Amino acid sequence: MRFFLLPILLFFAVASDAQELFPYTEPASNMPAGSMSLKMGAMLGKGVHGSGIDQRYSPEVMFGISKKWMVHATFTFSNMYEPFFYYESARLYGKYRFLSKDEVHKHFRMAAFATAAYSRNHLQHNELNLMGDHSGVQVGLIATQLWNKLAVSGTASLIEVLDEQRNDKTMPQQYAFESLNYSLSAGYLVLPLDYKDYKQTNLNIYAELLGGRNLDWEYEKYFLDLAPSLQLIFNSTSKLNLGYRFQLKSDIYRNMKNSWMISFEYIFLNALQRKPAK
């Protein structure tokens, strides 16, 4: 009976929430409790530090601790700041869903999150992030609304970069150390038109606005990007994302204005639950 119910439960979970599995941002919803997910992501684009293609690879493991808590651990490897590949950063992310109003074919959820990151890179640009470029901490809020096949989500967060230049009082300040980052994401479930089997392939389309504004720096204050993407979900357990992020407006001298993203993720349900004794 347990193995018979598992695909059914997974089918309903994916059918209701597939369109809020945003490729560039996190929704307020969590992954299933007791599950573990493995993900490999890649970002590629033309940077300002060299003549070749800059690449960043991000292996990630995610755990659904409970229906309210989940954590991520991520490492990055890149050639963005050196002419060779090197281990670049480590990041720990935790999210707590504190509000959930669920109805038939719609729900509203809110969550708080925190991130801590260590990066071997030093400040060279005023586009602040903890995705591999900088060391620091981040705290924020997420609100996600689902209506049938459409999901909309907004995020606001504060980033504090903890670079050694921050404590160097002998040099004039050259870079920002604090920023307000924000996003507005929308996802729509295109296929299948009607759910008949949990093995049906899902096709989702997304559009995400990604921005940031520095709070402690007189120059180079903001950026705003748009990131459209496509997503395929296979057998309700694996996910393939393909996206393109490009700058809409900015006054910051950035490492990369445009980039491609591709990622693949596989979820293991009940991976954290103990098997009953025989």
C-alpha atoms as a PDB file:
ATOM      1  CA  MET A   1       0.000   0.000   0.000  1.00  0.00           C
ATOM      2  CA  ARG A   2       2.830   2.392   0.868  1.00  0.00           C
ATOM      3  CA  PHE A   3       4.460   1.964  -2.544  1.00  0.00           C
ATOM      4  CA  PHE A   4       1.086   2.301  -4.256  1.00  0.00           C
ATOM      5  CA  LEU A   5       0.330   5.621  -2.548  1.00  0.00           C
ATOM      6  CA  LEU A   6       3.761   7.179  -3.157  1.00  0.00           C
ATOM      7  CA  PRO A   7       3.295   7.910  -6.906  1.00  0.00           C
ATOM      8  CA  ILE A   8      -0.195   9.262  -6.236  1.00  0.00           C
ATOM      9  CA  LEU A   9       0.990  11.661  -3.555  1.00  0.00           C
ATOM     10  CA  LEU A  10       3.895  12.740  -5.725  1.00  0.00           C
ATOM     11  CA  PHE A  11       1.577  13.264  -8.685  1.00  0.00           C
ATOM     12  CA  PHE A  12      -0.689  15.643  -6.749  1.00  0.00           C
ATOM     13  CA  ALA A  13       2.307  17.511  -5.269  1.00  0.00           C
ATOM     14  CA  VAL A  14       3.822  18.165  -8.688  1.00  0.00           C
ATOM     15  CA  ALA A  15       0.486  18.868 -10.343  1.00  0.00           C
ATOM     16  CA  SER A  16      -0.305  21.668  -7.897  1.00  0.00           C
ATOM     17  CA  ASP A  17       3.140  23.247  -7.449  1.00  0.00           C
ATOM     18  CA  ALA A  18       5.105  22.581 -10.656  1.00  0.00           C
ATOM     19  CA  GLN A  19       4.794  26.114 -11.994  1.00  0.00           C
ATOM     20  CA  GLU A  20       6.409  27.625  -8.882  1.00  0.00           C
ATOM     21  CA  LEU A  21       9.678  25.695  -9.195  1.00  0.00           C
ATOM     22  CA  PHE A  22      11.384  28.885 -10.365  1.00  0.00           C
ATOM     23  CA  PRO A  23      14.778  28.314 -12.052  1.00  0.00           C
ATOM     24  CA  TYR A  24      16.437  31.505 -10.753  1.00  0.00           C
ATOM     25  CA  THR A  25      14.738  32.049  -7.384  1.00  0.00           C
ATOM     26  CA  GLU A  26      13.193  30.129  -4.498  1.00  0.00           C
ATOM     27  CA  PRO A  27       9.422  30.036  -3.865  1.00  0.00           C
ATOM     28  CA  ALA A  28       7.901  30.212  -0.402  1.00  0.00           C
ATOM     29  CA  SER A  29       6.888  26.542  -0.742  1.00  0.00           C
ATOM     30  CA  ASN A  30       9.251  23.788   0.379  1.00  0.00           C
ATOM     31  CA  MET A  31      10.242  20.462  -1.094  1.00  0.00           C
ATOM     32  CA  PRO A  32       8.457  17.388   0.384  1.00  0.00           C
ATOM     33  CA  ALA A  33       9.359  16.596   3.986  1.00  0.00           C
ATOM     34  CA  GLY A  34      11.917  13.818   4.360  1.00  0.00           C
ATOM     35  CA  SER A  35      13.202  14.201   0.797  1.00  0.00           C
ATOM     36  CA  MET A  36      16.639  14.917  -0.606  1.00  0.00           C
ATOM     37  CA  SER A  37      17.467  16.517  -3.943  1.00  0.00           C
ATOM     38  CA  LEU A  38      20.691  16.669  -5.956  1.00  0.00           C
ATOM     39  CA  LYS A  39      21.224  19.458  -8.461  1.00  0.00           C
ATOM     40  CA  MET A  40      23.936  20.491 -10.893  1.00  0.00           C
ATOM     41  CA  GLY A  41      23.772  23.993 -12.340  1.00  0.00           C
ATOM     42  CA  ALA A  42      25.917  25.824 -14.876  1.00  0.00           C
ATOM     43  CA  MET A  43      26.145  29.506 -15.829  1.00  0.00           C
ATOM     44  CA  LEU A  44      27.956  30.577 -18.989  1.00  0.00           C
ATOM     45  CA  GLY A  45      28.570  33.972 -20.545  1.00  0.00           C
ATOM     46  CA  LYS A  46      31.050  36.543 -21.766  1.00  0.00           C
ATOM     47  CA  GLY A  47      32.740  38.251 -18.845  1.00  0.00           C
ATOM     48  CA  VAL A  48      34.934  41.336 -18.624  1.00  0.00           C
ATOM     49  CA  HIS A  49      38.059  39.641 -17.240  1.00  0.00           C
ATOM     50  CA  GLY A  50      39.028  37.598 -20.289  1.00  0.00           C
ATOM     51  CA  SER A  51      38.401  36.879 -23.949  1.00  0.00           C
ATOM     52  CA  GLY A  52      36.850  33.434 -23.453  1.00  0.00           C
ATOM     53  CA  ILE A  53      33.584  32.176 -22.030  1.00  0.00           C
ATOM     54  CA  ASP A  54      33.211  32.483 -18.274  1.00  0.00           C
ATOM     55  CA  GLN A  55      31.746  29.395 -16.636  1.00  0.00           C
ATOM     56  CA  ARG A  56      30.444  28.619 -13.162  1.00  0.00           C
ATOM     57  CA  TYR A  57      29.322  25.146 -12.054  1.00  0.00           C
ATOM     58  CA  SER A  58      27.262  24.680  -8.887  1.00  0.00           C
ATOM     59  CA  PRO A  59      26.712  21.219  -7.402  1.00  0.00           C
ATOM     60  CA  GLU A  60      23.988  21.442  -4.745  1.00  0.00           C
ATOM     61  CA  VAL A  61      22.276  19.157  -2.250  1.00  0.00           C
ATOM     62  CA  MET A  62      18.884  20.046  -0.711  1.00  0.00           C
ATOM     63  CA  PHE A  63      17.033  18.525   2.233  1.00  0.00           C
ATOM     64  CA  GLY A  64      13.355  18.750   3.134  1.00  0.00           C
ATOM     65  CA  ILE A  65      13.695  18.639   6.915  1.00  0.00           C
ATOM     66  CA  SER A  66       9.963  19.067   7.532  1.00  0.00           C
ATOM     67  CA  LYS A  67       7.001  20.710   5.815  1.00  0.00           C
ATOM     68  CA  LYS A  68       8.212  24.057   7.189  1.00  0.00           C
ATOM     69  CA  TRP A  69      12.024  23.732   7.059  1.00  0.00           C
ATOM     70  CA  MET A  70      14.470  23.044   4.238  1.00  0.00           C
ATOM     71  CA  VAL A  71      18.213  23.592   3.755  1.00  0.00           C
ATOM     72  CA  HIS A  72      20.593  23.782   0.790  1.00  0.00           C
ATOM     73  CA  ALA A  73      24.356  23.317   0.629  1.00  0.00           C
ATOM     74  CA  THR A  74      26.131  24.516  -2.517  1.00  0.00           C
ATOM     75  CA  PHE A  75      29.689  24.644  -3.825  1.00  0.00           C
ATOM     76  CA  THR A  76      30.827  26.560  -6.893  1.00  0.00           C
ATOM     77  CA  PHE A  77      33.716  26.075  -9.301  1.00  0.00           C
ATOM     78  CA  SER A  78      34.496  28.634 -11.980  1.00  0.00           C
ATOM     79  CA  ASN A  79      37.001  30.434 -14.177  1.00  0.00           C
ATOM     80  CA  MET A  80      35.365  33.846 -13.786  1.00  0.00           C
ATOM     81  CA  TYR A  81      38.184  35.569 -11.930  1.00  0.00           C
ATOM     82  CA  GLU A  82      41.152  33.422 -12.982  1.00  0.00           C
ATOM     83  CA  PRO A  83      42.297  31.988 -16.332  1.00  0.00           C
ATOM     84  CA  PHE A  84      41.762  28.453 -14.971  1.00  0.00           C
ATOM     85  CA  PHE A  85      39.067  26.520 -13.099  1.00  0.00           C
ATOM     86  CA  TYR A  86      39.226  26.563  -9.311  1.00  0.00           C
ATOM     87  CA  TYR A  87      37.110  25.830  -6.266  1.00  0.00           C
ATOM     88  CA  GLU A  88      35.386  29.161  -5.743  1.00  0.00           C
ATOM     89  CA  SER A  89      32.831  29.199  -2.904  1.00  0.00           C
ATOM     90  CA  ALA A  90      30.580  27.372  -0.447  1.00  0.00           C
ATOM     91  CA  ARG A  91      27.075  28.448   0.543  1.00  0.00           C
ATOM     92  CA  LEU A  92      24.508  27.321   3.138  1.00  0.00           C
ATOM     93  CA  TYR A  93      20.848  28.297   2.727  1.00  0.00           C
ATOM     94  CA  GLY A  94      17.953  27.735   5.118  1.00  0.00           C
ATOM     95  CA  LYS A  95      14.248  28.510   4.644  1.00  0.00           C
ATOM     96  CA  TYR A  96      11.319  28.496   7.082  1.00  0.00           C
ATOM     97  CA  ARG A  97       7.745  28.609   5.774  1.00  0.00           C
ATOM     98  CA  PHE A  98       5.714  30.424   8.413  1.00  0.00           C
ATOM     99  CA  LEU A  99       2.427  31.036   6.566  1.00  0.00           C
ATOM    100  CA  SER A 100       0.313  28.786   4.356  1.00  0.00           C
ATOM    101  CA  LYS A 101      -3.258  29.436   3.198  1.00  0.00           C
ATOM    102  CA  ASP A 102      -4.230  26.533   0.977  1.00  0.00           C
ATOM    103  CA  GLU A 103      -7.449  26.244  -1.030  1.00  0.00           C
ATOM    104  CA  VAL A 104      -8.573  24.165  -3.988  1.00  0.00           C
ATOM    105  CA  HIS A 105      -6.293  24.937  -6.973  1.00  0.00           C
ATOM    106  CA  LYS A 106      -4.734  27.933  -5.233  1.00  0.00           C
ATOM    107  CA  HIS A 107      -2.620  28.852  -2.235  1.00  0.00           C
ATOM    108  CA  PHE A 108      -0.673  31.712  -0.678  1.00  0.00           C
ATOM    109  CA  ARG A 109       2.554  31.076   1.229  1.00  0.00           C
ATOM    110  CA  MET A 110       5.253  33.125   2.918  1.00  0.00           C
ATOM    111  CA  ALA A 111       8.706  32.128   4.103  1.00  0.00           C
ATOM    112  CA  ALA A 112      11.825  33.635   5.662  1.00  0.00           C
ATOM    113  CA  PHE A 113      15.312  32.602   4.599  1.00  0.00           C
ATOM    114  CA  ALA A 114      18.949  33.144   5.526  1.00  0.00           C
ATOM    115  CA  THR A 115      22.168  32.484   3.617  1.00  0.00           C
ATOM    116  CA  ALA A 116      25.820  32.381   4.641  1.00  0.00           C
ATOM    117  CA  ALA A 117      28.537  32.167   2.002  1.00  0.00           C
ATOM    118  CA  TYR A 118      32.309  32.003   1.792  1.00  0.00           C
ATOM    119  CA  SER A 119      34.039  32.936  -1.449  1.00  0.00           C
ATOM    120  CA  ARG A 120      37.717  32.939  -2.367  1.00  0.00           C
ATOM    121  CA  ASN A 121      37.033  35.923  -4.637  1.00  0.00           C
ATOM    122  CA  HIS A 122      37.616  39.484  -3.469  1.00  0.00           C
ATOM    123  CA  LEU A 123      35.477  42.501  -4.296  1.00  0.00           C
ATOM    124  CA  GLN A 124      35.959  43.638  -7.881  1.00  0.00           C
ATOM    125  CA  HIS A 125      32.426  44.739  -8.789  1.00  0.00           C
ATOM    126  CA  ASN A 126      29.482  46.444  -7.134  1.00  0.00           C
ATOM    127  CA  GLU A 127      26.900  43.867  -8.153  1.00  0.00           C
ATOM    128  CA  LEU A 128      26.576  42.117  -4.793  1.00  0.00           C
ATOM    129  CA  ASN A 129      25.503  38.483  -4.565  1.00  0.00           C
ATOM    130  CA  LEU A 130      26.326  35.306  -2.655  1.00  0.00           C
ATOM    131  CA  MET A 131      26.167  32.986  -5.671  1.00  0.00           C
ATOM    132  CA  GLY A 132      29.954  32.594  -5.830  1.00  0.00           C
ATOM    133  CA  ASP A 133      31.239  36.152  -6.192  1.00  0.00           C
ATOM    134  CA  HIS A 134      31.291  37.300  -2.559  1.00  0.00           C
ATOM    135  CA  SER A 135      31.489  36.200   1.058  1.00  0.00           C
ATOM    136  CA  GLY A 136      28.679  37.422   3.280  1.00  0.00           C
ATOM    137  CA  VAL A 137      25.270  36.880   4.827  1.00  0.00           C
ATOM    138  CA  GLN A 138      21.754  37.429   3.505  1.00  0.00           C
ATOM    139  CA  VAL A 139      18.300  37.454   5.081  1.00  0.00           C
ATOM    140  CA  GLY A 140      14.974  37.889   3.334  1.00  0.00           C
ATOM    141  CA  LEU A 141      11.278  37.172   2.860  1.00  0.00           C
ATOM    142  CA  ILE A 142       9.401  35.340   0.093  1.00  0.00           C
ATOM    143  CA  ALA A 143       5.695  35.508  -0.786  1.00  0.00           C
ATOM    144  CA  THR A 144       4.208  33.122  -3.375  1.00  0.00           C
ATOM    145  CA  GLN A 145       0.680  33.000  -4.795  1.00  0.00           C
ATOM    146  CA  LEU A 146      -0.641  30.132  -6.917  1.00  0.00           C
ATOM    147  CA  TRP A 147      -3.804  30.349  -9.066  1.00  0.00           C
ATOM    148  CA  ASN A 148      -4.481  27.145 -10.989  1.00  0.00           C
ATOM    149  CA  LYS A 149      -1.674  27.030 -13.587  1.00  0.00           C
ATOM    150  CA  LEU A 150      -0.128  30.431 -12.782  1.00  0.00           C
ATOM    151  CA  ALA A 151       2.292  31.118  -9.924  1.00  0.00           C
ATOM    152  CA  VAL A 152       3.657  34.554  -8.951  1.00  0.00           C
ATOM    153  CA  SER A 153       6.348  35.090  -6.338  1.00  0.00           C
ATOM    154  CA  GLY A 154       8.215  38.067  -4.878  1.00  0.00           C
ATOM    155  CA  THR A 155      11.417  38.166  -2.830  1.00  0.00           C
ATOM    156  CA  ALA A 156      13.156  40.946  -0.902  1.00  0.00           C
ATOM    157  CA  SER A 157      16.443  40.507   0.954  1.00  0.00           C
ATOM    158  CA  LEU A 158      19.385  42.334   2.491  1.00  0.00           C
ATOM    159  CA  ILE A 159      22.970  41.314   1.708  1.00  0.00           C
ATOM    160  CA  GLU A 160      25.981  42.166   3.878  1.00  0.00           C
ATOM    161  CA  VAL A 161      29.278  41.446   2.121  1.00  0.00           C
ATOM    162  CA  LEU A 162      32.028  40.407   4.538  1.00  0.00           C
ATOM    163  CA  ASP A 163      35.161  41.226   2.570  1.00  0.00           C
ATOM    164  CA  GLU A 164      38.478  42.121   4.167  1.00  0.00           C
ATOM    165  CA  GLN A 165      38.314  45.535   2.473  1.00  0.00           C
ATOM    166  CA  ARG A 166      35.346  46.363   4.699  1.00  0.00           C
ATOM    167  CA  ASN A 167      37.606  46.629   7.753  1.00  0.00           C
ATOM    168  CA  ASP A 168      40.524  48.349   6.012  1.00  0.00           C
ATOM    169  CA  LYS A 169      40.348  51.941   7.258  1.00  0.00           C
ATOM    170  CA  THR A 170      43.616  52.940   5.562  1.00  0.00           C
ATOM    171  CA  MET A 171      42.070  52.871   2.088  1.00  0.00           C
ATOM    172  CA  PRO A 172      39.121  54.887   0.773  1.00  0.00           C
ATOM    173  CA  GLN A 173      35.957  52.869   0.199  1.00  0.00           C
ATOM    174  CA  GLN A 174      35.881  51.537  -3.358  1.00  0.00           C
ATOM    175  CA  TYR A 175      32.998  49.113  -3.252  1.00  0.00           C
ATOM    176  CA  ALA A 176      29.550  48.661  -1.776  1.00  0.00           C
ATOM    177  CA  PHE A 177      29.104  46.274   1.160  1.00  0.00           C
ATOM    178  CA  GLU A 178      25.314  46.382   1.619  1.00  0.00           C
ATOM    179  CA  SER A 179      22.519  45.906  -0.890  1.00  0.00           C
ATOM    180  CA  LEU A 180      18.777  45.373  -1.156  1.00  0.00           C
ATOM    181  CA  ASN A 181      18.094  42.566  -3.608  1.00  0.00           C
ATOM    182  CA  TYR A 182      14.668  41.765  -4.990  1.00  0.00           C
ATOM    183  CA  SER A 183      12.896  39.592  -7.535  1.00  0.00           C
ATOM    184  CA  LEU A 184       9.492  39.148  -9.128  1.00  0.00           C
ATOM    185  CA  SER A 185       8.863  35.756 -10.724  1.00  0.00           C
ATOM    186  CA  ALA A 186       5.995  34.256 -12.697  1.00  0.00           C
ATOM    187  CA  GLY A 187       5.545  30.678 -13.899  1.00  0.00           C
ATOM    188  CA  TYR A 188       2.875  29.051 -16.032  1.00  0.00           C
ATOM    189  CA  LEU A 189       2.160  25.350 -16.526  1.00  0.00           C
ATOM    190  CA  VAL A 190       1.823  24.801 -20.300  1.00  0.00           C
ATOM    191  CA  LEU A 191       1.765  21.001 -20.562  1.00  0.00           C
ATOM    192  CA  PRO A 192       0.093  18.653 -19.959  1.00  0.00           C
ATOM    193  CA  LEU A 193      -3.289  20.204 -20.631  1.00  0.00           C
ATOM    194  CA  ASP A 194      -4.927  17.529 -18.480  1.00  0.00           C
ATOM    195  CA  TYR A 195      -3.266  15.361 -15.870  1.00  0.00           C
ATOM    196  CA  LYS A 196      -3.848  11.648 -16.398  1.00  0.00           C
ATOM    197  CA  ASP A 197      -0.639  10.059 -15.110  1.00  0.00           C
ATOM    198  CA  TYR A 198       2.192  11.175 -12.844  1.00  0.00           C
ATOM    199  CA  LYS A 199       4.690  10.078 -15.524  1.00  0.00           C
ATOM    200  CA  GLN A 200       3.495  12.795 -17.904  1.00  0.00           C
ATOM    201  CA  THR A 201       6.185  15.335 -18.799  1.00  0.00           C
ATOM    202  CA  ASN A 202       5.509  18.869 -17.553  1.00  0.00           C
ATOM    203  CA  LEU A 203       6.463  21.957 -19.522  1.00  0.00           C
ATOM    204  CA  ASN A 204       6.613  25.230 -17.572  1.00  0.00           C
ATOM    205  CA  ILE A 205       7.538  28.696 -18.831  1.00  0.00           C
ATOM    206  CA  TYR A 206       8.933  31.422 -16.586  1.00  0.00           C
ATOM    207  CA  ALA A 207       9.829  35.099 -16.564  1.00  0.00           C
ATOM    208  CA  GLU A 208      11.786  36.562 -13.648  1.00  0.00           C
ATOM    209  CA  LEU A 209      12.858  40.123 -12.872  1.00  0.00           C
ATOM    210  CA  LEU A 210      16.059  40.148 -10.799  1.00  0.00           C
ATOM    211  CA  GLY A 211      17.403  43.357  -9.297  1.00  0.00           C
ATOM    212  CA  GLY A 212      19.562  44.912  -6.637  1.00  0.00           C
ATOM    213  CA  ARG A 213      20.284  48.340  -5.182  1.00  0.00           C
ATOM    214  CA  ASN A 214      23.372  49.197  -3.160  1.00  0.00           C
ATOM    215  CA  LEU A 215      22.665  50.976   0.118  1.00  0.00           C
ATOM    216  CA  ASP A 216      26.059  52.307   1.192  1.00  0.00           C
ATOM    217  CA  TRP A 217      27.743  53.507  -1.991  1.00  0.00           C
ATOM    218  CA  GLU A 218      27.387  56.804  -3.802  1.00  0.00           C
ATOM    219  CA  TYR A 219      28.191  55.448  -7.257  1.00  0.00           C
ATOM    220  CA  GLU A 220      27.128  52.355  -9.199  1.00  0.00           C
ATOM    221  CA  LYS A 221      23.870  51.907  -7.359  1.00  0.00           C
ATOM    222  CA  TYR A 222      21.589  49.419  -9.126  1.00  0.00           C
ATOM    223  CA  PHE A 223      20.931  46.717 -11.733  1.00  0.00           C
ATOM    224  CA  LEU A 224      17.767  45.136 -13.141  1.00  0.00           C
ATOM    225  CA  ASP A 225      17.734  41.946 -15.231  1.00  0.00           C
ATOM    226  CA  LEU A 226      15.138  39.826 -16.981  1.00  0.00           C
ATOM    227  CA  ALA A 227      15.471  36.036 -17.064  1.00  0.00           C
ATOM    228  CA  PRO A 228      13.024  34.027 -19.228  1.00  0.00           C
ATOM    229  CA  SER A 229      13.344  30.256 -18.974  1.00  0.00           C
ATOM    230  CA  LEU A 230      11.854  26.874 -19.858  1.00  0.00           C
ATOM    231  CA  GLN A 231      11.493  23.879 -17.575  1.00  0.00           C
ATOM    232  CA  LEU A 232      10.789  20.200 -18.202  1.00  0.00           C
ATOM    233  CA  ILE A 233       9.781  17.835 -15.387  1.00  0.00           C
ATOM    234  CA  PHE A 234      10.142  14.093 -16.064  1.00  0.00           C
ATOM    235  CA  ASN A 235       8.332  11.355 -14.118  1.00  0.00           C
ATOM    236  CA  SER A 236       7.637  13.909 -11.348  1.00  0.00           C
ATOM    237  CA  THR A 237      11.165  13.333  -9.996  1.00  0.00           C
ATOM    238  CA  SER A 238      13.665  15.083 -12.299  1.00  0.00           C
ATOM    239  CA  LYS A 239      13.791  18.638 -13.570  1.00  0.00           C
ATOM    240  CA  LEU A 240      15.670  20.290 -16.443  1.00  0.00           C
ATOM    241  CA  ASN A 241      15.949  24.108 -16.614  1.00  0.00           C
ATOM    242  CA  LEU A 242      17.224  26.307 -19.433  1.00  0.00           C
ATOM    243  CA  GLY A 243      17.290  30.086 -19.083  1.00  0.00           C
ATOM    244  CA  TYR A 244      18.833  33.276 -20.434  1.00  0.00           C
ATOM    245  CA  ARG A 245      19.457  36.256 -18.167  1.00  0.00           C
ATOM    246  CA  PHE A 246      20.122  39.698 -19.628  1.00  0.00           C
ATOM    247  CA  GLN A 247      20.455  43.230 -18.334  1.00  0.00           C
ATOM    248  CA  LEU A 248      17.550  45.638 -18.729  1.00  0.00           C
ATOM    249  CA  LYS A 249      19.102  48.599 -16.952  1.00  0.00           C
ATOM    250  CA  SER A 250      22.104  49.253 -14.726  1.00  0.00           C
ATOM    251  CA  ASP A 251      24.709  51.822 -13.749  1.00  0.00           C
ATOM    252  CA  ILE A 252      27.105  49.163 -12.384  1.00  0.00           C
ATOM    253  CA  TYR A 253      30.275  47.981 -14.108  1.00  0.00           C
ATOM    254  CA  ARG A 254      29.425  44.278 -13.959  1.00  0.00           C
ATOM    255  CA  ASN A 255      31.387  41.102 -14.493  1.00  0.00           C
ATOM    256  CA  MET A 256      28.696  39.719 -16.799  1.00  0.00           C
ATOM    257  CA  LYS A 257      25.654  41.433 -18.328  1.00  0.00           C
ATOM    258  CA  ASN A 258      24.234  38.378 -20.102  1.00  0.00           C
ATOM    259  CA  SER A 259      24.433  34.689 -19.288  1.00  0.00           C
ATOM    260  CA  TRP A 260      22.946  31.297 -20.074  1.00  0.00           C
ATOM    261  CA  MET A 261      21.841  28.932 -17.331  1.00  0.00           C
ATOM    262  CA  ILE A 262      21.240  25.197 -17.468  1.00  0.00           C
ATOM    263  CA  SER A 263      20.551  22.899 -14.530  1.00  0.00           C
ATOM    264  CA  PHE A 264      19.357  19.393 -13.792  1.00  0.00           C
ATOM    265  CA  GLU A 265      17.831  18.217 -10.518  1.00  0.00           C
ATOM    266  CA  TYR A 266      16.690  14.849  -9.190  1.00  0.00           C
ATOM    267  CA  ILE A 267      14.636  14.346  -6.021  1.00  0.00           C
ATOM    268  CA  PHE A 268      14.735  11.295  -3.749  1.00  0.00           C
ATOM    269  CA  LEU A 269      11.515  11.014  -1.785  1.00  0.00           C
ATOM    270  CA  ASN A 270      11.619   9.685   1.797  1.00  0.00           C
ATOM    271  CA  ALA A 271      15.428   9.701   1.680  1.00  0.00           C
ATOM    272  CA  LEU A 272      15.633  11.085   5.226  1.00  0.00           C
ATOM    273  CA  GLN A 273      13.033   8.793   6.767  1.00  0.00           C
ATOM    274  CA  ARG A 274      14.090   5.727   8.662  1.00  0.00           C
ATOM    275  CA  LYS A 275      12.955   2.402   7.310  1.00  0.00           C
ATOM    276  CA  PRO A 276      10.728   0.456   9.686  1.00  0.00           C
ATOM    277  CA  ALA A 277      12.405  -2.434  11.465  1.00  0.00           C
ATOM    278  CA  LYS A 278      11.549  -5.843  10.073  1.00  0.00           C
END
